[in-house]
C-alpha atoms as a PDB file:
ATOM      1  CA  UNK A   1      -7.835 -18.959  17.344  1.00  0.00           C
ATOM      2  CA  UNK A   2      -5.732 -21.928  18.468  1.00  0.00           C
ATOM      3  CA  UNK A   3      -7.608 -24.204  16.046  1.00  0.00           C
ATOM      4  CA  UNK A   4      -7.152 -21.728  13.210  1.00  0.00           C
ATOM      5  CA  UNK A   5      -3.434 -21.389  13.931  1.00  0.00           C
ATOM      6  CA  UNK A   6      -3.094 -25.185  13.838  1.00  0.00           C
ATOM      7  CA  UNK A   7      -4.869 -25.283  10.464  1.00  0.00           C
ATOM      8  CA  UNK A   8      -2.469 -22.622   9.179  1.00  0.00           C
ATOM      9  CA  UNK A   9       0.562 -24.583  10.375  1.00  0.00           C
ATOM     10  CA  UNK A  10      -0.476 -27.962   9.023  1.00  0.00           C
ATOM     11  CA  UNK A  11      -2.940 -27.141   6.257  1.00  0.00           C
ATOM     12  CA  UNK A  12      -2.682 -26.533   2.531  1.00  0.00           C
ATOM     13  CA  UNK A  13      -2.493 -23.158   0.820  1.00  0.00           C
ATOM     14  CA  UNK A  14      -6.225 -23.427   0.099  1.00  0.00           C
ATOM     15  CA  UNK A  15      -7.042 -23.885   3.802  1.00  0.00           C
ATOM     16  CA  UNK A  16      -4.720 -21.036   4.782  1.00  0.00           C
ATOM     17  CA  UNK A  17      -6.419 -18.802   2.217  1.00  0.00           C
ATOM     18  CA  UNK A  18      -9.836 -19.753   3.578  1.00  0.00           C
ATOM     19  CA  UNK A  19      -8.718 -18.698   7.054  1.00  0.00           C
ATOM     20  CA  UNK A  20      -7.332 -15.438   5.666  1.00  0.00           C
ATOM     21  CA  UNK A  21     -10.757 -14.623   4.177  1.00  0.00           C
ATOM     22  CA  UNK A  22     -12.607 -14.951   7.488  1.00  0.00           C
ATOM     23  CA  UNK A  23     -14.191 -11.786   8.922  1.00  0.00           C
ATOM     24  CA  UNK A  24     -12.370 -10.133  11.832  1.00  0.00           C
ATOM     25  CA  UNK A  25      -9.195 -12.231  11.706  1.00  0.00           C
ATOM     26  CA  UNK A  26      -7.387 -11.601  14.996  1.00  0.00           C
ATOM     27  CA  UNK A  27      -3.807 -10.387  15.270  1.00  0.00           C
ATOM     28  CA  UNK A  28      -2.517 -13.766  16.514  1.00  0.00           C
ATOM     29  CA  UNK A  29      -4.078 -15.570  13.537  1.00  0.00           C
ATOM     30  CA  UNK A  30      -2.749 -12.911  11.170  1.00  0.00           C
ATOM     31  CA  UNK A  31       0.733 -13.390  12.675  1.00  0.00           C
ATOM     32  CA  UNK A  32       0.549 -17.129  12.015  1.00  0.00           C
ATOM     33  CA  UNK A  33      -0.605 -16.582   8.432  1.00  0.00           C
ATOM     34  CA  UNK A  34       2.235 -14.190   7.701  1.00  0.00           C
ATOM     35  CA  UNK A  35       4.750 -16.542   9.363  1.00  0.00           C
ATOM     36  CA  UNK A  36       3.661 -19.800   7.723  1.00  0.00           C
ATOM     37  CA  UNK A  37       1.113 -19.013   5.027  1.00  0.00           C
ATOM     38  CA  UNK A  38       1.578 -19.240   1.286  1.00  0.00           C
ATOM     39  CA  UNK A  39       1.941 -16.143  -0.866  1.00  0.00           C
ATOM     40  CA  UNK A  40      -1.694 -16.501  -1.937  1.00  0.00           C
ATOM     41  CA  UNK A  41      -2.850 -16.721   1.694  1.00  0.00           C
ATOM     42  CA  UNK A  42      -0.808 -13.696   2.758  1.00  0.00           C
ATOM     43  CA  UNK A  43      -2.060 -11.675  -0.213  1.00  0.00           C
ATOM     44  CA  UNK A  44      -5.630 -12.630   0.726  1.00  0.00           C
ATOM     45  CA  UNK A  45      -5.016 -11.549   4.308  1.00  0.00           C
ATOM     46  CA  UNK A  46      -3.761  -8.149   3.144  1.00  0.00           C
ATOM     47  CA  UNK A  47      -6.970  -7.748   1.131  1.00  0.00           C
ATOM     48  CA  UNK A  48      -9.110  -8.472   4.202  1.00  0.00           C
ATOM     49  CA  UNK A  49     -10.160  -5.053   5.501  1.00  0.00           C
ATOM     50  CA  UNK A  50     -11.466  -6.499   8.772  1.00  0.00           C
ATOM     51  CA  UNK A  51      -8.253  -8.359   9.646  1.00  0.00           C
ATOM     52  CA  UNK A  52      -6.170  -7.024  12.547  1.00  0.00           C
ATOM     53  CA  UNK A  53      -2.610  -6.977  11.207  1.00  0.00           C
ATOM     54  CA  UNK A  54       0.166  -5.577  13.395  1.00  0.00           C
ATOM     55  CA  UNK A  55       3.240  -3.679  12.236  1.00  0.00           C
ATOM     56  CA  UNK A  56       5.560  -6.668  12.754  1.00  0.00           C
ATOM     57  CA  UNK A  57       3.321  -8.862  10.585  1.00  0.00           C
ATOM     58  CA  UNK A  58       3.242  -6.258   7.810  1.00  0.00           C
ATOM     59  CA  UNK A  59       7.042  -6.017   7.882  1.00  0.00           C
ATOM     60  CA  UNK A  60       7.353  -9.817   7.914  1.00  0.00           C
ATOM     61  CA  UNK A  61       5.078 -10.087   4.869  1.00  0.00           C
ATOM     62  CA  UNK A  62       7.345  -7.700   2.937  1.00  0.00           C
ATOM     63  CA  UNK A  63      10.428  -9.599   4.126  1.00  0.00           C
ATOM     64  CA  UNK A  64       9.031 -12.958   3.010  1.00  0.00           C
ATOM     65  CA  UNK A  65       7.637 -11.771  -0.320  1.00  0.00           C
ATOM     66  CA  UNK A  66       9.729  -8.703  -1.276  1.00  0.00           C
ATOM     67  CA  UNK A  67       8.980  -8.998  -5.004  1.00  0.00           C
ATOM     68  CA  UNK A  68       5.309  -9.935  -4.751  1.00  0.00           C
ATOM     69  CA  UNK A  69       2.924  -7.414  -6.255  1.00  0.00           C
ATOM     70  CA  UNK A  70       0.068  -9.666  -5.092  1.00  0.00           C
ATOM     71  CA  UNK A  71       1.073  -8.993  -1.458  1.00  0.00           C
ATOM     72  CA  UNK A  72       2.121  -5.345  -1.830  1.00  0.00           C
ATOM     73  CA  UNK A  73      -0.821  -4.044  -3.892  1.00  0.00           C
ATOM     74  CA  UNK A  74      -3.590  -4.799  -1.342  1.00  0.00           C
ATOM     75  CA  UNK A  75      -1.300  -3.634   1.470  1.00  0.00           C
ATOM     76  CA  UNK A  76      -1.168  -0.190  -0.170  1.00  0.00           C
ATOM     77  CA  UNK A  77      -4.952  -0.024  -0.002  1.00  0.00           C
ATOM     78  CA  UNK A  78      -5.264  -0.809   3.709  1.00  0.00           C
ATOM     79  CA  UNK A  79      -6.971   1.936   5.719  1.00  0.00           C
ATOM     80  CA  UNK A  80      -3.958   2.659   7.940  1.00  0.00           C
ATOM     81  CA  UNK A  81      -0.309   1.717   7.626  1.00  0.00           C
ATOM     82  CA  UNK A  82       2.618   2.362   9.974  1.00  0.00           C
ATOM     83  CA  UNK A  83       4.908   4.999   8.465  1.00  0.00           C
ATOM     84  CA  UNK A  84       7.835   2.543   8.224  1.00  0.00           C
ATOM     85  CA  UNK A  85       5.742   0.063   6.248  1.00  0.00           C
ATOM     86  CA  UNK A  86       4.459   2.817   3.972  1.00  0.00           C
ATOM     87  CA  UNK A  87       8.034   3.920   3.243  1.00  0.00           C
ATOM     88  CA  UNK A  88       9.059   0.374   2.306  1.00  0.00           C
ATOM     89  CA  UNK A  89       6.106   0.154  -0.041  1.00  0.00           C
ATOM     90  CA  UNK A  90       7.121   3.464  -1.626  1.00  0.00           C
ATOM     91  CA  UNK A  91      10.607   2.060  -2.244  1.00  0.00           C
ATOM     92  CA  UNK A  92       9.198  -1.204  -3.621  1.00  0.00           C
ATOM     93  CA  UNK A  93       6.759   0.498  -5.976  1.00  0.00           C
ATOM     94  CA  UNK A  94       9.380   2.987  -7.172  1.00  0.00           C
ATOM     95  CA  UNK A  95      11.779   0.187  -8.085  1.00  0.00           C
ATOM     96  CA  UNK A  96       9.020  -1.520 -10.088  1.00  0.00           C
ATOM     97  CA  UNK A  97       8.417   1.837 -11.812  1.00  0.00           C
ATOM     98  CA  UNK A  98      12.105   2.099 -12.729  1.00  0.00           C
ATOM     99  CA  UNK A  99      12.065  -1.360 -14.289  1.00  0.00           C
ATOM    100  CA  UNK A 100       8.961  -0.517 -16.321  1.00  0.00           C
ATOM    101  CA  UNK A 101      10.410   2.786 -17.553  1.00  0.00           C
ATOM    102  CA  UNK A 102      13.504   0.971 -18.785  1.00  0.00           C
ATOM    103  CA  UNK A 103      11.744  -2.086 -20.247  1.00  0.00           C
ATOM    104  CA  UNK A 104       8.583  -0.597 -21.746  1.00  0.00           C
ATOM    105  CA  UNK A 105       9.599   2.958 -22.585  1.00  0.00           C
ATOM    106  CA  UNK A 106      13.250   2.335 -23.465  1.00  0.00           C
ATOM    107  CA  UNK A 107      14.520   5.090 -21.181  1.00  0.00           C
ATOM    108  CA  UNK A 108      18.226   4.957 -20.296  1.00  0.00           C
ATOM    109  CA  UNK A 109      18.699   3.374 -16.899  1.00  0.00           C
ATOM    110  CA  UNK A 110      20.287   6.481 -15.335  1.00  0.00           C
ATOM    111  CA  UNK A 111      17.447   8.724 -16.566  1.00  0.00           C
ATOM    112  CA  UNK A 112      14.845   6.285 -15.235  1.00  0.00           C
ATOM    113  CA  UNK A 113      16.692   6.151 -11.919  1.00  0.00           C
ATOM    114  CA  UNK A 114      16.660   9.968 -11.628  1.00  0.00           C
ATOM    115  CA  UNK A 115      12.914  10.076 -12.275  1.00  0.00           C
ATOM    116  CA  UNK A 116      12.271   7.328  -9.756  1.00  0.00           C
ATOM    117  CA  UNK A 117      14.463   8.870  -7.038  1.00  0.00           C
ATOM    118  CA  UNK A 118      12.610  12.185  -7.274  1.00  0.00           C
ATOM    119  CA  UNK A 119       9.244  10.420  -7.254  1.00  0.00           C
ATOM    120  CA  UNK A 120      10.240   8.237  -4.303  1.00  0.00           C
ATOM    121  CA  UNK A 121      11.586  11.151  -2.286  1.00  0.00           C
ATOM    122  CA  UNK A 122       8.431  13.190  -2.869  1.00  0.00           C
ATOM    123  CA  UNK A 123       6.315  10.280  -1.635  1.00  0.00           C
ATOM    124  CA  UNK A 124       8.642   9.553   1.281  1.00  0.00           C
ATOM    125  CA  UNK A 125       8.615  13.157   2.408  1.00  0.00           C
ATOM    126  CA  UNK A 126       4.823  13.078   2.227  1.00  0.00           C
ATOM    127  CA  UNK A 127       4.884  10.463   5.004  1.00  0.00           C
ATOM    128  CA  UNK A 128       6.935  12.647   7.325  1.00  0.00           C
ATOM    129  CA  UNK A 129       4.244  15.243   7.976  1.00  0.00           C
ATOM    130  CA  UNK A 130       1.943  12.837   9.787  1.00  0.00           C
ATOM    131  CA  UNK A 131       4.645  11.190  11.894  1.00  0.00           C
ATOM    132  CA  UNK A 132       5.068  11.858  15.614  1.00  0.00           C
ATOM    133  CA  UNK A 133       8.518  11.905  17.226  1.00  0.00           C
ATOM    134  CA  UNK A 134       8.641   8.137  17.804  1.00  0.00           C
ATOM    135  CA  UNK A 135       7.461   7.287  14.280  1.00  0.00           C
ATOM    136  CA  UNK A 136       9.771   9.914  12.801  1.00  0.00           C
ATOM    137  CA  UNK A 137      12.780   8.339  14.508  1.00  0.00           C
ATOM    138  CA  UNK A 138      11.781   4.851  13.327  1.00  0.00           C
ATOM    139  CA  UNK A 139      11.351   6.145   9.784  1.00  0.00           C
ATOM    140  CA  UNK A 140      14.718   7.908   9.733  1.00  0.00           C
ATOM    141  CA  UNK A 141      16.479   4.839  11.177  1.00  0.00           C
ATOM    142  CA  UNK A 142      14.915   2.699   8.450  1.00  0.00           C
ATOM    143  CA  UNK A 143      15.887   5.178   5.737  1.00  0.00           C
ATOM    144  CA  UNK A 144      19.490   5.213   6.944  1.00  0.00           C
ATOM    145  CA  UNK A 145      19.756   1.421   7.155  1.00  0.00           C
ATOM    146  CA  UNK A 146      18.355   1.026   3.667  1.00  0.00           C
ATOM    147  CA  UNK A 147      20.621   3.777   2.235  1.00  0.00           C
ATOM    148  CA  UNK A 148      17.602   5.915   1.335  1.00  0.00           C
ATOM    149  CA  UNK A 149      18.452   8.806   3.673  1.00  0.00           C
ATOM    150  CA  UNK A 150      19.899  10.751   0.754  1.00  0.00           C
ATOM    151  CA  UNK A 151      21.457  14.243   0.598  1.00  0.00           C
ATOM    152  CA  UNK A 152      18.617  15.454  -1.598  1.00  0.00           C
ATOM    153  CA  UNK A 153      16.027  14.194   0.907  1.00  0.00           C
ATOM    154  CA  UNK A 154      17.711  16.237   3.662  1.00  0.00           C
ATOM    155  CA  UNK A 155      17.801  19.308   1.445  1.00  0.00           C
ATOM    156  CA  UNK A 156      14.155  18.753   0.497  1.00  0.00           C
ATOM    157  CA  UNK A 157      13.186  18.678   4.190  1.00  0.00           C
ATOM    158  CA  UNK A 158      14.945  21.955   4.935  1.00  0.00           C
ATOM    159  CA  UNK A 159      13.461  23.636   1.865  1.00  0.00           C
ATOM    160  CA  UNK A 160      10.048  22.586   3.132  1.00  0.00           C
ATOM    161  CA  UNK A 161      10.902  24.148   6.495  1.00  0.00           C
ATOM    162  CA  UNK A 162      10.992  20.778   8.253  1.00  0.00           C
ATOM    163  CA  UNK A 163      13.831  21.274  10.731  1.00  0.00           C
ATOM    164  CA  UNK A 164      12.801  18.336  13.028  1.00  0.00           C
ATOM    165  CA  UNK A 165      13.278  15.819  10.198  1.00  0.00           C
ATOM    166  CA  UNK A 166      16.650  17.382   9.369  1.00  0.00           C
ATOM    167  CA  UNK A 167      17.706  17.183  13.035  1.00  0.00           C
ATOM    168  CA  UNK A 168      16.720  13.519  13.274  1.00  0.00           C
ATOM    169  CA  UNK A 169      18.440  12.687   9.988  1.00  0.00           C
ATOM    170  CA  UNK A 170      21.690  14.413  10.965  1.00  0.00           C
ATOM    171  CA  UNK A 171      21.652  12.622  14.327  1.00  0.00           C
ATOM    172  CA  UNK A 172      21.329   9.255  12.587  1.00  0.00           C
ATOM    173  CA  UNK A 173      23.955   9.978   9.944  1.00  0.00           C
ATOM    174  CA  UNK A 174      26.374  11.398  12.513  1.00  0.00           C
ATOM    175  CA  UNK A 175      25.603   8.618  15.016  1.00  0.00           C
ATOM    176  CA  UNK A 176      24.948  11.016  17.901  1.00  0.00           C
ATOM    177  CA  UNK A 177      21.893  11.351  20.195  1.00  0.00           C
ATOM    178  CA  UNK A 178      19.248  13.608  18.681  1.00  0.00           C
ATOM    179  CA  UNK A 179      19.451  16.103  21.562  1.00  0.00           C
ATOM    180  CA  UNK A 180      23.198  16.463  20.966  1.00  0.00           C
ATOM    181  CA  UNK A 181      22.530  16.909  17.246  1.00  0.00           C
ATOM    182  CA  UNK A 182      20.059  19.705  17.968  1.00  0.00           C
ATOM    183  CA  UNK A 183      22.596  21.539  20.121  1.00  0.00           C
ATOM    184  CA  UNK A 184      25.224  21.274  17.401  1.00  0.00           C
ATOM    185  CA  UNK A 185      22.859  22.251  14.586  1.00  0.00           C
ATOM    186  CA  UNK A 186      21.653  25.365  16.400  1.00  0.00           C
ATOM    187  CA  UNK A 187      25.054  26.347  17.803  1.00  0.00           C
ATOM    188  CA  UNK A 188      25.173  30.153  17.740  1.00  0.00           C
ATOM    189  CA  UNK A 189      28.837  29.998  16.807  1.00  0.00           C
ATOM    190  CA  UNK A 190      27.962  28.142  13.575  1.00  0.00           C
ATOM    191  CA  UNK A 191      30.752  25.599  14.097  1.00  0.00           C
ATOM    192  CA  UNK A 192      28.408  23.010  15.564  1.00  0.00           C
ATOM    193  CA  UNK A 193      26.641  22.198  12.302  1.00  0.00           C
ATOM    194  CA  UNK A 194      29.970  21.925  10.471  1.00  0.00           C
ATOM    195  CA  UNK A 195      31.397  19.524  13.057  1.00  0.00           C
ATOM    196  CA  UNK A 196      28.271  17.365  12.890  1.00  0.00           C
ATOM    197  CA  UNK A 197      28.206  17.541   9.087  1.00  0.00           C
ATOM    198  CA  UNK A 198      31.807  16.284   8.959  1.00  0.00           C
ATOM    199  CA  UNK A 199      30.751  13.180  10.924  1.00  0.00           C
ATOM    200  CA  UNK A 200      27.947  12.257   8.539  1.00  0.00           C
ATOM    201  CA  UNK A 201      29.913  11.370   5.414  1.00  0.00           C
ATOM    202  CA  UNK A 202      27.685  13.642   3.321  1.00  0.00           C
ATOM    203  CA  UNK A 203      29.315  15.154   0.187  1.00  0.00           C
ATOM    204  CA  UNK A 204      31.230  18.356   1.109  1.00  0.00           C
ATOM    205  CA  UNK A 205      29.541  20.364  -1.661  1.00  0.00           C
ATOM    206  CA  UNK A 206      26.230  19.886   0.156  1.00  0.00           C
ATOM    207  CA  UNK A 207      27.306  21.892   3.215  1.00  0.00           C
ATOM    208  CA  UNK A 208      26.878  25.457   1.809  1.00  0.00           C
ATOM    209  CA  UNK A 209      23.316  24.818   0.518  1.00  0.00           C
ATOM    210  CA  UNK A 210      22.373  23.104   3.801  1.00  0.00           C
ATOM    211  CA  UNK A 211      23.808  25.998   5.816  1.00  0.00           C
ATOM    212  CA  UNK A 212      21.786  28.525   3.822  1.00  0.00           C
ATOM    213  CA  UNK A 213      18.624  26.417   3.899  1.00  0.00           C
ATOM    214  CA  UNK A 214      18.888  25.953   7.681  1.00  0.00           C
ATOM    215  CA  UNK A 215      19.408  29.693   8.251  1.00  0.00           C
ATOM    216  CA  UNK A 216      16.394  30.494   6.086  1.00  0.00           C
ATOM    217  CA  UNK A 217      14.272  27.824   7.811  1.00  0.00           C
ATOM    218  CA  UNK A 218      15.099  29.303  11.226  1.00  0.00           C
ATOM    219  CA  UNK A 219      14.373  32.856  10.088  1.00  0.00           C
ATOM    220  CA  UNK A 220      11.157  32.188   8.153  1.00  0.00           C
ATOM    221  CA  UNK A 221       8.074  31.786  10.347  1.00  0.00           C
ATOM    222  CA  UNK A 222       4.637  30.432   9.532  1.00  0.00           C
ATOM    223  CA  UNK A 223       2.023  33.200   9.588  1.00  0.00           C
ATOM    224  CA  UNK A 224      -0.846  31.011  10.843  1.00  0.00           C
ATOM    225  CA  UNK A 225      -3.248  32.165   8.140  1.00  0.00           C
ATOM    226  CA  UNK A 226      -4.881  30.160   5.338  1.00  0.00           C
ATOM    227  CA  UNK A 227      -2.371  28.460   3.007  1.00  0.00           C
ATOM    228  CA  UNK A 228       0.524  29.529   5.240  1.00  0.00           C
ATOM    229  CA  UNK A 229       2.405  26.302   4.421  1.00  0.00           C
ATOM    230  CA  UNK A 230       2.427  27.165   0.720  1.00  0.00           C
ATOM    231  CA  UNK A 231       3.467  30.753   1.449  1.00  0.00           C
ATOM    232  CA  UNK A 232       6.191  29.572   3.828  1.00  0.00           C
ATOM    233  CA  UNK A 233       7.664  27.258   1.184  1.00  0.00           C
ATOM    234  CA  UNK A 234       7.552  29.987  -1.447  1.00  0.00           C
ATOM    235  CA  UNK A 235       9.326  32.434   0.882  1.00  0.00           C
ATOM    236  CA  UNK A 236      11.847  29.737   1.716  1.00  0.00           C
ATOM    237  CA  UNK A 237      12.726  29.193  -1.937  1.00  0.00           C
ATOM    238  CA  UNK A 238      12.868  32.909  -2.637  1.00  0.00           C
ATOM    239  CA  UNK A 239      15.266  33.468   0.271  1.00  0.00           C
ATOM    240  CA  UNK A 240      17.520  30.619  -0.798  1.00  0.00           C
ATOM    241  CA  UNK A 241      17.607  31.830  -4.397  1.00  0.00           C
ATOM    242  CA  UNK A 242      18.612  35.339  -3.304  1.00  0.00           C
ATOM    243  CA  UNK A 243      21.628  33.953  -1.426  1.00  0.00           C
ATOM    244  CA  UNK A 244      23.076  31.997  -4.347  1.00  0.00           C
ATOM    245  CA  UNK A 245      25.874  34.522  -4.778  1.00  0.00           C
ATOM    246  CA  UNK A 246      27.467  33.001  -1.664  1.00  0.00           C
ATOM    247  CA  UNK A 247      27.849  29.656  -3.422  1.00  0.00           C
ATOM    248  CA  UNK A 248      30.315  28.437  -5.999  1.00  0.00           C
ATOM    249  CA  UNK A 249      28.858  27.877  -9.454  1.00  0.00           C
ATOM    250  CA  UNK A 250      28.889  24.076  -9.191  1.00  0.00           C
ATOM    251  CA  UNK A 251      27.078  24.289  -5.841  1.00  0.00           C
ATOM    252  CA  UNK A 252      24.476  26.539  -7.450  1.00  0.00           C
ATOM    253  CA  UNK A 253      23.908  23.976 -10.206  1.00  0.00           C
ATOM    254  CA  UNK A 254      23.596  21.215  -7.609  1.00  0.00           C
ATOM    255  CA  UNK A 255      21.086  23.138  -5.525  1.00  0.00           C
ATOM    256  CA  UNK A 256      19.046  24.251  -8.535  1.00  0.00           C
ATOM    257  CA  UNK A 257      18.748  20.638  -9.640  1.00  0.00           C
ATOM    258  CA  UNK A 258      17.514  19.577  -6.218  1.00  0.00           C
ATOM    259  CA  UNK A 259      15.125  22.517  -5.922  1.00  0.00           C
ATOM    260  CA  UNK A 260      13.619  22.198  -9.382  1.00  0.00           C
ATOM    261  CA  UNK A 261      10.752  19.920  -8.395  1.00  0.00           C
ATOM    262  CA  UNK A 262      10.077  21.842  -5.165  1.00  0.00           C
ATOM    263  CA  UNK A 263       9.047  25.063  -6.894  1.00  0.00           C
ATOM    264  CA  UNK A 264       5.867  23.497  -8.249  1.00  0.00           C
ATOM    265  CA  UNK A 265       4.930  22.234  -4.770  1.00  0.00           C
ATOM    266  CA  UNK A 266       5.517  25.696  -3.328  1.00  0.00           C
END
C-alpha cells in the first residue's frame, strides 16, 4: 500500500488509473487516489466494485469533481452508498436533469425547476426509510446546510406518516436538541409546535397544513397487515382532505399542490 500511495502521489494520470483498476484496492489507497488522483483515476476507482471506498473519500470525490458525470455515474452504481452521499448524488443528477429540460426540451426554467424539485424530493424521501437515527440526523443536517430541507419535504414526510423525520427536521431548522423538539412537537397544549415552528423561519402559511398533518399522523396507526404502508398513506391523505374546511383557501391550494404527487404513491 505504501508503494502504491507513493505512485499515486508522484505518478502520472495513467499510473494512477492503473492503480485504481487493481482488484481489492484498500481504503488507504482509495483515500490517496481521491485526494491526489486525476479525474480519470477517480472515475476508474468509482467503477471498481472491489475497491474499499469510505464515506469521507466518496464525499471528497464529489467535492473535487462536483460537475463530473464520469465520477458521479459509476458512484451511483456502487453496491452500497452512505445516505448522505446518495442524497448529494440525487441533488447533482436532478440539477443535470433541469439543465437538459431547459436546453433540449425548451421548457421554461421555472417549470423545469418545479419538475426537478418534485423528482428530487421523491428520491430524497426514498432514502429516509432505510436510515437509522444516526444516518437520519446526518442526512437532515446535510439537507439543511445545502438549503434542501424544504417546506414541501417536511410536509411530504408527515403525509407519509414519517414523524421521526419531521422531528429531526424541525430540530435542525429551529436549532434545538432533537429531544427538546420532540417535547415541543407533542406538547398536549398544542403551543409547543407553534413556538418551535416560529423559530424555524418556515413560511407562516405552512403551519395550518403541518398542524393537521401531524395530528393525522399521530392518530392514524399502521395495521400490521399486508400493504399496511399503502393503506396508512391513503388514510392519511383522506383524513387531511376531510379537514380542509379548517384552512383558508390559499392554504388549501398550497397543500393540494404539495399533495398532488403523493396521491399516486398512496
